[in-house]
């Protein structure tokens, strides 16, 4: 069973990504705002915290994308989540290498 209230991108939960509500236009705004908040918080993280965060986001990515063939789910919202999550993972990796 899916953990619908699990936070997968900052304050955004699984049910917001895979559910019908909020609509895709709203989730895009939420993802963009949350992305900006998460990026600004990276400056305050230690290397160990960044490694932990990287692992957590990779798990969240697998959690959201673990339903292949589930066409009833909001595929457009899942794709948006994946785009923003990949950009976030890239930023974390860049911080780890600097």
PDB file of N, CA and C in Angstrom:
ATOM      1  N   UNK A   1       0.831  -1.177   0.000  1.00  0.00           N
ATOM      2  CA  UNK A   1       0.000   0.000   0.000  1.00  0.00           C
ATOM      3  C   UNK A   1       0.883   1.251   0.000  1.00  0.00           C
ATOM      4  N   UNK A   2       0.477   2.241  -0.719  1.00  0.00           N
ATOM      5  CA  UNK A   2       1.225   3.477  -0.845  1.00  0.00           C
ATOM      6  C   UNK A   2       0.988   4.371   0.361  1.00  0.00           C
ATOM      7  N   UNK A   3       2.065   4.990   0.827  1.00  0.00           N
ATOM      8  CA  UNK A   3       1.956   5.950   1.920  1.00  0.00           C
ATOM      9  C   UNK A   3       1.565   7.294   1.314  1.00  0.00           C
ATOM     10  N   UNK A   4       0.290   7.619   1.328  1.00  0.00           N
ATOM     11  CA  UNK A   4      -0.200   8.825   0.664  1.00  0.00           C
ATOM     12  C   UNK A   4       0.245  10.113   1.328  1.00  0.00           C
ATOM     13  N   UNK A   5       0.487  10.086   2.629  1.00  0.00           N
ATOM     14  CA  UNK A   5       0.893  11.304   3.329  1.00  0.00           C
ATOM     15  C   UNK A   5       2.405  11.445   3.461  1.00  0.00           C
ATOM     16  N   UNK A   6       3.150  10.557   2.823  1.00  0.00           N
ATOM     17  CA  UNK A   6       4.609  10.630   2.862  1.00  0.00           C
ATOM     18  C   UNK A   6       5.077  11.859   2.093  1.00  0.00           C
ATOM     19  N   UNK A   7       5.926  12.652   2.713  1.00  0.00           N
ATOM     20  CA  UNK A   7       6.482  13.834   2.056  1.00  0.00           C
ATOM     21  C   UNK A   7       7.577  13.371   1.094  1.00  0.00           C
ATOM     22  N   UNK A   8       7.428  13.767  -0.165  1.00  0.00           N
ATOM     23  CA  UNK A   8       8.356  13.291  -1.194  1.00  0.00           C
ATOM     24  C   UNK A   8       9.179  14.405  -1.827  1.00  0.00           C
ATOM     25  N   UNK A   9       8.786  15.649  -1.598  1.00  0.00           N
ATOM     26  CA  UNK A   9       9.536  16.783  -2.153  1.00  0.00           C
ATOM     27  C   UNK A   9       9.257  17.985  -1.268  1.00  0.00           C
ATOM     28  N   UNK A  10      10.104  18.168  -0.262  1.00  0.00           N
ATOM     29  CA  UNK A  10       9.842  19.216   0.715  1.00  0.00           C
ATOM     30  C   UNK A  10       8.562  18.905   1.456  1.00  0.00           C
ATOM     31  N   UNK A  11       7.579  19.802   1.341  1.00  0.00           N
ATOM     32  CA  UNK A  11       6.293  19.616   2.022  1.00  0.00           C
ATOM     33  C   UNK A  11       5.256  18.916   1.153  1.00  0.00           C
ATOM     34  N   UNK A  12       5.602  18.603  -0.073  1.00  0.00           N
ATOM     35  CA  UNK A  12       4.653  17.982  -1.007  1.00  0.00           C
ATOM     36  C   UNK A  12       4.570  16.482  -0.733  1.00  0.00           C
ATOM     37  N   UNK A  13       3.336  15.971  -0.656  1.00  0.00           N
ATOM     38  CA  UNK A  13       3.105  14.568  -0.316  1.00  0.00           C
ATOM     39  C   UNK A  13       2.819  13.716  -1.548  1.00  0.00           C
ATOM     40  N   UNK A  14       2.873  12.412  -1.347  1.00  0.00           N
ATOM     41  CA  UNK A  14       2.584  11.452  -2.404  1.00  0.00           C
ATOM     42  C   UNK A  14       1.214  11.691  -3.014  1.00  0.00           C
ATOM     43  N   UNK A  15       0.201  11.888  -2.166  1.00  0.00           N
ATOM     44  CA  UNK A  15      -1.158  12.035  -2.694  1.00  0.00           C
ATOM     45  C   UNK A  15      -1.306  13.271  -3.569  1.00  0.00           C
ATOM     46  N   UNK A  16      -0.504  14.309  -3.319  1.00  0.00           N
ATOM     47  CA  UNK A  16      -0.565  15.496  -4.168  1.00  0.00           C
ATOM     48  C   UNK A  16       0.029  15.217  -5.552  1.00  0.00           C
ATOM     49  N   UNK A  17       0.981  14.303  -5.616  1.00  0.00           N
ATOM     50  CA  UNK A  17       1.622  13.964  -6.892  1.00  0.00           C
ATOM     51  C   UNK A  17       0.785  12.965  -7.678  1.00  0.00           C
ATOM     52  N   UNK A  18       0.295  11.917  -7.025  1.00  0.00           N
ATOM     53  CA  UNK A  18      -0.384  10.863  -7.787  1.00  0.00           C
ATOM     54  C   UNK A  18      -1.898  11.028  -7.823  1.00  0.00           C
ATOM     55  N   UNK A  19      -2.437  11.949  -7.028  1.00  0.00           N
ATOM     56  CA  UNK A  19      -3.884  12.134  -6.990  1.00  0.00           C
ATOM     57  C   UNK A  19      -4.388  13.159  -7.987  1.00  0.00           C
ATOM     58  N   UNK A  20      -5.686  13.273  -8.059  1.00  0.00           N
ATOM     59  CA  UNK A  20      -6.319  14.215  -8.983  1.00  0.00           C
ATOM     60  C   UNK A  20      -6.246  15.655  -8.472  1.00  0.00           C
ATOM     61  N   UNK A  21      -6.124  15.815  -7.173  1.00  0.00           N
ATOM     62  CA  UNK A  21      -6.081  17.149  -6.568  1.00  0.00           C
ATOM     63  C   UNK A  21      -4.732  17.334  -5.915  1.00  0.00           C
ATOM     64  N   UNK A  22      -4.050  18.429  -6.116  1.00  0.00           N
ATOM     65  CA  UNK A  22      -4.393  19.581  -6.937  1.00  0.00           C
ATOM     66  C   UNK A  22      -4.154  19.299  -8.423  1.00  0.00           C
ATOM     67  N   UNK A  23      -4.765  20.108  -9.288  1.00  0.00           N
ATOM     68  CA  UNK A  23      -4.556  19.919 -10.722  1.00  0.00           C
ATOM     69  C   UNK A  23      -3.113  20.199 -11.123  1.00  0.00           C
ATOM     70  N   UNK A  24      -2.743  19.746 -12.302  1.00  0.00           N
ATOM     71  CA  UNK A  24      -1.357  19.833 -12.764  1.00  0.00           C
ATOM     72  C   UNK A  24      -0.823  21.269 -12.765  1.00  0.00           C
ATOM     73  N   UNK A  25      -1.634  22.238 -13.133  1.00  0.00           N
ATOM     74  CA  UNK A  25      -1.172  23.637 -13.138  1.00  0.00           C
ATOM     75  C   UNK A  25      -0.781  24.083 -11.725  1.00  0.00           C
ATOM     76  N   UNK A  26      -1.554  23.662 -10.749  1.00  0.00           N
ATOM     77  CA  UNK A  26      -1.248  24.032  -9.363  1.00  0.00           C
ATOM     78  C   UNK A  26      -0.041  23.283  -8.838  1.00  0.00           C
ATOM     79  N   UNK A  27       0.094  22.018  -9.187  1.00  0.00           N
ATOM     80  CA  UNK A  27       1.235  21.241  -8.690  1.00  0.00           C
ATOM     81  C   UNK A  27       2.531  21.774  -9.274  1.00  0.00           C
ATOM     82  N   UNK A  28       2.480  22.282 -10.490  1.00  0.00           N
ATOM     83  CA  UNK A  28       3.693  22.863 -11.086  1.00  0.00           C
ATOM     84  C   UNK A  28       4.152  24.062 -10.262  1.00  0.00           C
ATOM     85  N   UNK A  29       3.216  24.913  -9.856  1.00  0.00           N
ATOM     86  CA  UNK A  29       3.557  26.068  -9.014  1.00  0.00           C
ATOM     87  C   UNK A  29       4.099  25.609  -7.666  1.00  0.00           C
ATOM     88  N   UNK A  30       3.446  24.598  -7.079  1.00  0.00           N
ATOM     89  CA  UNK A  30       3.908  24.067  -5.790  1.00  0.00           C
ATOM     90  C   UNK A  30       5.320  23.503  -5.901  1.00  0.00           C
ATOM     91  N   UNK A  31       5.568  22.733  -6.964  1.00  0.00           N
ATOM     92  CA  UNK A  31       6.897  22.142  -7.154  1.00  0.00           C
ATOM     93  C   UNK A  31       7.954  23.224  -7.351  1.00  0.00           C
ATOM     94  N   UNK A  32       7.652  24.242  -8.126  1.00  0.00           N
ATOM     95  CA  UNK A  32       8.604  25.330  -8.362  1.00  0.00           C
ATOM     96  C   UNK A  32       8.921  26.062  -7.066  1.00  0.00           C
ATOM     97  N   UNK A  33       7.893  26.393  -6.292  1.00  0.00           N
ATOM     98  CA  UNK A  33       8.111  27.076  -5.013  1.00  0.00           C
ATOM     99  C   UNK A  33       8.908  26.215  -4.046  1.00  0.00           C
ATOM    100  N   UNK A  34       8.541  24.948  -3.959  1.00  0.00           N
ATOM    101  CA  UNK A  34       9.243  24.045  -3.046  1.00  0.00           C
ATOM    102  C   UNK A  34      10.685  23.842  -3.498  1.00  0.00           C
ATOM    103  N   UNK A  35      10.897  23.745  -4.804  1.00  0.00           N
ATOM    104  CA  UNK A  35      12.250  23.601  -5.352  1.00  0.00           C
ATOM    105  C   UNK A  35      13.122  24.785  -4.927  1.00  0.00           C
ATOM    106  N   UNK A  36      12.603  25.988  -5.070  1.00  0.00           N
ATOM    107  CA  UNK A  36      13.365  27.186  -4.680  1.00  0.00           C
ATOM    108  C   UNK A  36      13.691  27.162  -3.189  1.00  0.00           C
ATOM    109  N   UNK A  37      12.734  26.764  -2.366  1.00  0.00           N
ATOM    110  CA  UNK A  37      12.973  26.663  -0.915  1.00  0.00           C
ATOM    111  C   UNK A  37      14.037  25.618  -0.602  1.00  0.00           C
ATOM    112  N   UNK A  38      13.933  24.468  -1.241  1.00  0.00           N
ATOM    113  CA  UNK A  38      14.879  23.384  -0.981  1.00  0.00           C
ATOM    114  C   UNK A  38      16.292  23.761  -1.413  1.00  0.00           C
ATOM    115  N   UNK A  39      16.408  24.436  -2.559  1.00  0.00           N
ATOM    116  CA  UNK A  39      17.727  24.859  -3.044  1.00  0.00           C
ATOM    117  C   UNK A  39      18.364  25.848  -2.074  1.00  0.00           C
ATOM    118  N   UNK A  40      17.583  26.784  -1.583  1.00  0.00           N
ATOM    119  CA  UNK A  40      18.141  27.769  -0.639  1.00  0.00           C
ATOM    120  C   UNK A  40      18.581  27.097   0.662  1.00  0.00           C
ATOM    121  N   UNK A  41      17.894  26.035   1.058  1.00  0.00           N
ATOM    122  CA  UNK A  41      18.264  25.322   2.282  1.00  0.00           C
ATOM    123  C   UNK A  41      19.538  24.498   2.121  1.00  0.00           C
ATOM    124  N   UNK A  42      19.915  24.183   0.900  1.00  0.00           N
ATOM    125  CA  UNK A  42      21.129  23.388   0.671  1.00  0.00           C
ATOM    126  C   UNK A  42      22.368  24.102   1.195  1.00  0.00           C
ATOM    127  N   UNK A  43      22.362  25.419   1.162  1.00  0.00           N
ATOM    128  CA  UNK A  43      23.513  26.201   1.622  1.00  0.00           C
ATOM    129  C   UNK A  43      23.838  25.940   3.086  1.00  0.00           C
ATOM    130  N   UNK A  44      22.841  25.565   3.853  1.00  0.00           N
ATOM    131  CA  UNK A  44      23.004  25.394   5.295  1.00  0.00           C
ATOM    132  C   UNK A  44      23.385  23.962   5.690  1.00  0.00           C
ATOM    133  N   UNK A  45      23.444  23.059   4.730  1.00  0.00           N
ATOM    134  CA  UNK A  45      23.636  21.641   5.030  1.00  0.00           C
ATOM    135  C   UNK A  45      25.116  21.250   5.076  1.00  0.00           C
ATOM    136  N   UNK A  46      25.435  20.321   5.980  1.00  0.00           N
ATOM    137  CA  UNK A  46      26.775  19.742   6.023  1.00  0.00           C
ATOM    138  C   UNK A  46      26.871  18.646   4.962  1.00  0.00           C
ATOM    139  N   UNK A  47      28.064  18.176   4.699  1.00  0.00           N
ATOM    140  CA  UNK A  47      28.254  17.095   3.718  1.00  0.00           C
ATOM    141  C   UNK A  47      27.476  15.844   4.131  1.00  0.00           C
ATOM    142  N   UNK A  48      27.500  15.514   5.415  1.00  0.00           N
ATOM    143  CA  UNK A  48      26.763  14.341   5.890  1.00  0.00           C
ATOM    144  C   UNK A  48      25.262  14.518   5.698  1.00  0.00           C
ATOM    145  N   UNK A  49      24.771  15.727   5.988  1.00  0.00           N
ATOM    146  CA  UNK A  49      23.347  16.005   5.784  1.00  0.00           C
ATOM    147  C   UNK A  49      22.989  15.908   4.305  1.00  0.00           C
ATOM    148  N   UNK A  50      23.879  16.390   3.443  1.00  0.00           N
ATOM    149  CA  UNK A  50      23.637  16.320   2.008  1.00  0.00           C
ATOM    150  C   UNK A  50      23.580  14.879   1.518  1.00  0.00           C
ATOM    151  N   UNK A  51      24.446  14.025   2.049  1.00  0.00           N
ATOM    152  CA  UNK A  51      24.434  12.611   1.664  1.00  0.00           C
ATOM    153  C   UNK A  51      23.123  11.953   2.087  1.00  0.00           C
ATOM    154  N   UNK A  52      22.679  12.274   3.291  1.00  0.00           N
ATOM    155  CA  UNK A  52      21.414  11.735   3.791  1.00  0.00           C
ATOM    156  C   UNK A  52      20.246  12.236   2.937  1.00  0.00           C
ATOM    157  N   UNK A  53      20.264  13.508   2.623  1.00  0.00           N
ATOM    158  CA  UNK A  53      19.223  14.120   1.798  1.00  0.00           C
ATOM    159  C   UNK A  53      19.190  13.499   0.404  1.00  0.00           C
ATOM    160  N   UNK A  54      20.354  13.256  -0.155  1.00  0.00           N
ATOM    161  CA  UNK A  54      20.449  12.625  -1.471  1.00  0.00           C
ATOM    162  C   UNK A  54      19.790  11.253  -1.449  1.00  0.00           C
ATOM    163  N   UNK A  55      20.100  10.480  -0.439  1.00  0.00           N
ATOM    164  CA  UNK A  55      19.525   9.147  -0.309  1.00  0.00           C
ATOM    165  C   UNK A  55      18.001   9.216  -0.137  1.00  0.00           C
ATOM    166  N   UNK A  56      17.527  10.143   0.690  1.00  0.00           N
ATOM    167  CA  UNK A  56      16.082  10.296   0.918  1.00  0.00           C
ATOM    168  C   UNK A  56      15.356  10.661  -0.373  1.00  0.00           C
ATOM    169  N   UNK A  57      15.944  11.554  -1.166  1.00  0.00           N
ATOM    170  CA  UNK A  57      15.298  11.973  -2.414  1.00  0.00           C
ATOM    171  C   UNK A  57      15.322  10.861  -3.457  1.00  0.00           C
ATOM    172  N   UNK A  58      16.359  10.054  -3.447  1.00  0.00           N
ATOM    173  CA  UNK A  58      16.400   8.911  -4.363  1.00  0.00           C
ATOM    174  C   UNK A  58      15.307   7.910  -3.992  1.00  0.00           C
ATOM    175  N   UNK A  59      15.090   7.712  -2.707  1.00  0.00           N
ATOM    176  CA  UNK A  59      14.029   6.818  -2.234  1.00  0.00           C
ATOM    177  C   UNK A  59      12.667   7.394  -2.617  1.00  0.00           C
ATOM    178  N   UNK A  60      12.486   8.701  -2.442  1.00  0.00           N
ATOM    179  CA  UNK A  60      11.222   9.350  -2.812  1.00  0.00           C
ATOM    180  C   UNK A  60      10.954   9.188  -4.301  1.00  0.00           C
ATOM    181  N   UNK A  61      11.998   9.309  -5.109  1.00  0.00           N
ATOM    182  CA  UNK A  61      11.854   9.140  -6.554  1.00  0.00           C
ATOM    183  C   UNK A  61      11.385   7.730  -6.891  1.00  0.00           C
ATOM    184  N   UNK A  62      11.983   6.742  -6.260  1.00  0.00           N
ATOM    185  CA  UNK A  62      11.567   5.357  -6.486  1.00  0.00           C
ATOM    186  C   UNK A  62      10.135   5.140  -6.004  1.00  0.00           C
ATOM    187  N   UNK A  63       9.792   5.746  -4.879  1.00  0.00           N
ATOM    188  CA  UNK A  63       8.451   5.626  -4.298  1.00  0.00           C
ATOM    189  C   UNK A  63       7.387   6.133  -5.279  1.00  0.00           C
ATOM    190  N   UNK A  64       7.623   7.285  -5.864  1.00  0.00           N
ATOM    191  CA  UNK A  64       6.644   7.866  -6.791  1.00  0.00           C
ATOM    192  C   UNK A  64       6.626   7.111  -8.115  1.00  0.00           C
ATOM    193  N   UNK A  65       7.767   6.668  -8.577  1.00  0.00           N
ATOM    194  CA  UNK A  65       7.857   6.034  -9.889  1.00  0.00           C
ATOM    195  C   UNK A  65       7.769   4.509  -9.832  1.00  0.00           C
ATOM    196  N   UNK A  66       7.242   3.971  -8.747  1.00  0.00           N
ATOM    197  CA  UNK A  66       7.184   2.516  -8.583  1.00  0.00           C
ATOM    198  C   UNK A  66       5.872   1.917  -9.063  1.00  0.00           C
ATOM    199  N   UNK A  67       5.111   2.652  -9.827  1.00  0.00           N
ATOM    200  CA  UNK A  67       3.829   2.161 -10.304  1.00  0.00           C
ATOM    201  C   UNK A  67       3.769   2.114 -11.826  1.00  0.00           C
ATOM    202  N   UNK A  68       4.636   1.336 -12.446  1.00  0.00           N
ATOM    203  CA  UNK A  68       4.604   1.286 -13.910  1.00  0.00           C
ATOM    204  C   UNK A  68       3.278   0.722 -14.404  1.00  0.00           C
ATOM    205  N   UNK A  69       2.745   1.344 -15.434  1.00  0.00           N
ATOM    206  CA  UNK A  69       1.492   0.867 -16.004  1.00  0.00           C
ATOM    207  C   UNK A  69       0.251   1.332 -15.288  1.00  0.00           C
ATOM    208  N   UNK A  70       0.410   2.109 -14.247  1.00  0.00           N
ATOM    209  CA  UNK A  70      -0.763   2.591 -13.515  1.00  0.00           C
ATOM    210  C   UNK A  70      -1.293   3.836 -14.216  1.00  0.00           C
ATOM    211  N   UNK A  71      -1.953   3.628 -15.310  1.00  0.00           N
ATOM    212  CA  UNK A  71      -2.381   4.727 -16.165  1.00  0.00           C
ATOM    213  C   UNK A  71      -3.449   5.611 -15.521  1.00  0.00           C
ATOM    214  N   UNK A  72      -4.133   5.115 -14.511  1.00  0.00           N
ATOM    215  CA  UNK A  72      -5.155   5.925 -13.857  1.00  0.00           C
ATOM    216  C   UNK A  72      -4.526   7.033 -13.022  1.00  0.00           C
ATOM    217  N   UNK A  73      -3.246   6.895 -12.725  1.00  0.00           N
ATOM    218  CA  UNK A  73      -2.572   7.918 -11.935  1.00  0.00           C
ATOM    219  C   UNK A  73      -2.264   9.129 -12.798  1.00  0.00           C
ATOM    220  N   UNK A  74      -2.013  10.248 -12.156  1.00  0.00           N
ATOM    221  CA  UNK A  74      -1.740  11.504 -12.854  1.00  0.00           C
ATOM    222  C   UNK A  74      -0.322  11.482 -13.434  1.00  0.00           C
ATOM    223  N   UNK A  75      -0.182  10.900 -14.624  1.00  0.00           N
ATOM    224  CA  UNK A  75       1.134  10.740 -15.242  1.00  0.00           C
ATOM    225  C   UNK A  75       1.829  12.079 -15.484  1.00  0.00           C
ATOM    226  N   UNK A  76       1.078  13.106 -15.853  1.00  0.00           N
ATOM    227  CA  UNK A  76       1.690  14.408 -16.098  1.00  0.00           C
ATOM    228  C   UNK A  76       2.279  14.988 -14.812  1.00  0.00           C
ATOM    229  N   UNK A  77       1.616  14.772 -13.708  1.00  0.00           N
ATOM    230  CA  UNK A  77       2.134  15.255 -12.425  1.00  0.00           C
ATOM    231  C   UNK A  77       3.347  14.429 -11.983  1.00  0.00           C
ATOM    232  N   UNK A  78       3.322  13.147 -12.256  1.00  0.00           N
ATOM    233  CA  UNK A  78       4.469  12.296 -11.922  1.00  0.00           C
ATOM    234  C   UNK A  78       5.686  12.731 -12.739  1.00  0.00           C
ATOM    235  N   UNK A  79       5.473  13.039 -14.017  1.00  0.00           N
ATOM    236  CA  UNK A  79       6.587  13.517 -14.856  1.00  0.00           C
ATOM    237  C   UNK A  79       7.144  14.839 -14.326  1.00  0.00           C
ATOM    238  N   UNK A  80       6.259  15.745 -13.932  1.00  0.00           N
ATOM    239  CA  UNK A  80       6.719  17.019 -13.361  1.00  0.00           C
ATOM    240  C   UNK A  80       7.533  16.790 -12.095  1.00  0.00           C
ATOM    241  N   UNK A  81       7.029  15.926 -11.227  1.00  0.00           N
ATOM    242  CA  UNK A  81       7.775  15.595 -10.008  1.00  0.00           C
ATOM    243  C   UNK A  81       9.162  15.088 -10.365  1.00  0.00           C
ATOM    244  N   UNK A  82       9.233  14.196 -11.344  1.00  0.00           N
ATOM    245  CA  UNK A  82      10.508  13.608 -11.735  1.00  0.00           C
ATOM    246  C   UNK A  82      11.478  14.673 -12.237  1.00  0.00           C
ATOM    247  N   UNK A  83      10.990  15.601 -13.035  1.00  0.00           N
ATOM    248  CA  UNK A  83      11.838  16.685 -13.548  1.00  0.00           C
ATOM    249  C   UNK A  83      12.411  17.513 -12.396  1.00  0.00           C
ATOM    250  N   UNK A  84      11.543  17.946 -11.499  1.00  0.00           N
ATOM    251  CA  UNK A  84      12.004  18.773 -10.376  1.00  0.00           C
ATOM    252  C   UNK A  84      12.894  17.990  -9.426  1.00  0.00           C
ATOM    253  N   UNK A  85      12.569  16.740  -9.192  1.00  0.00           N
ATOM    254  CA  UNK A  85      13.385  15.929  -8.302  1.00  0.00           C
ATOM    255  C   UNK A  85      14.774  15.705  -8.896  1.00  0.00           C
ATOM    256  N   UNK A  86      14.856  15.482 -10.205  1.00  0.00           N
ATOM    257  CA  UNK A  86      16.162  15.290 -10.848  1.00  0.00           C
ATOM    258  C   UNK A  86      17.007  16.563 -10.761  1.00  0.00           C
ATOM    259  N   UNK A  87      16.371  17.722 -10.949  1.00  0.00           N
ATOM    260  CA  UNK A  87      17.109  18.990 -10.817  1.00  0.00           C
ATOM    261  C   UNK A  87      17.616  19.156  -9.383  1.00  0.00           C
ATOM    262  N   UNK A  88      16.791  18.765  -8.427  1.00  0.00           N
ATOM    263  CA  UNK A  88      17.182  18.858  -7.023  1.00  0.00           C
ATOM    264  C   UNK A  88      18.324  17.899  -6.710  1.00  0.00           C
ATOM    265  N   UNK A  89      18.228  16.673  -7.200  1.00  0.00           N
ATOM    266  CA  UNK A  89      19.306  15.703  -6.994  1.00  0.00           C
ATOM    267  C   UNK A  89      20.613  16.214  -7.600  1.00  0.00           C
ATOM    268  N   UNK A  90      20.525  16.833  -8.760  1.00  0.00           N
ATOM    269  CA  UNK A  90      21.709  17.381  -9.410  1.00  0.00           C
ATOM    270  C   UNK A  90      22.337  18.483  -8.544  1.00  0.00           C
ATOM    271  N   UNK A  91      21.505  19.342  -7.975  1.00  0.00           N
ATOM    272  CA  UNK A  91      22.008  20.392  -7.093  1.00  0.00           C
ATOM    273  C   UNK A  91      22.665  19.823  -5.847  1.00  0.00           C
ATOM    274  N   UNK A  92      22.084  18.787  -5.288  1.00  0.00           N
ATOM    275  CA  UNK A  92      22.681  18.142  -4.111  1.00  0.00           C
ATOM    276  C   UNK A  92      24.039  17.560  -4.482  1.00  0.00           C
ATOM    277  N   UNK A  93      24.110  16.864  -5.605  1.00  0.00           N
ATOM    278  CA  UNK A  93      25.388  16.284  -6.042  1.00  0.00           C
ATOM    279  C   UNK A  93      26.444  17.354  -6.284  1.00  0.00           C
ATOM    280  N   UNK A  94      26.051  18.466  -6.860  1.00  0.00           N
ATOM    281  CA  UNK A  94      26.998  19.559  -7.092  1.00  0.00           C
ATOM    282  C   UNK A  94      27.532  20.106  -5.756  1.00  0.00           C
ATOM    283  N   UNK A  95      26.660  20.234  -4.767  1.00  0.00           N
ATOM    284  CA  UNK A  95      27.086  20.706  -3.446  1.00  0.00           C
ATOM    285  C   UNK A  95      28.042  19.708  -2.793  1.00  0.00           C
ATOM    286  N   UNK A  96      27.769  18.434  -2.980  1.00  0.00           N
ATOM    287  CA  UNK A  96      28.628  17.402  -2.410  1.00  0.00           C
ATOM    288  C   UNK A  96      30.027  17.431  -3.047  1.00  0.00           C
ATOM    289  N   UNK A  97      30.102  17.771  -4.303  1.00  0.00           N
ATOM    290  CA  UNK A  97      31.391  17.787  -5.006  1.00  0.00           C
ATOM    291  C   UNK A  97      32.159  19.088  -4.845  1.00  0.00           C
ATOM    292  N   UNK A  98      31.515  20.112  -4.295  1.00  0.00           N
ATOM    293  CA  UNK A  98      32.214  21.394  -4.137  1.00  0.00           C
ATOM    294  C   UNK A  98      32.947  21.485  -2.814  1.00  0.00           C
TER     295      UNK A  98
END
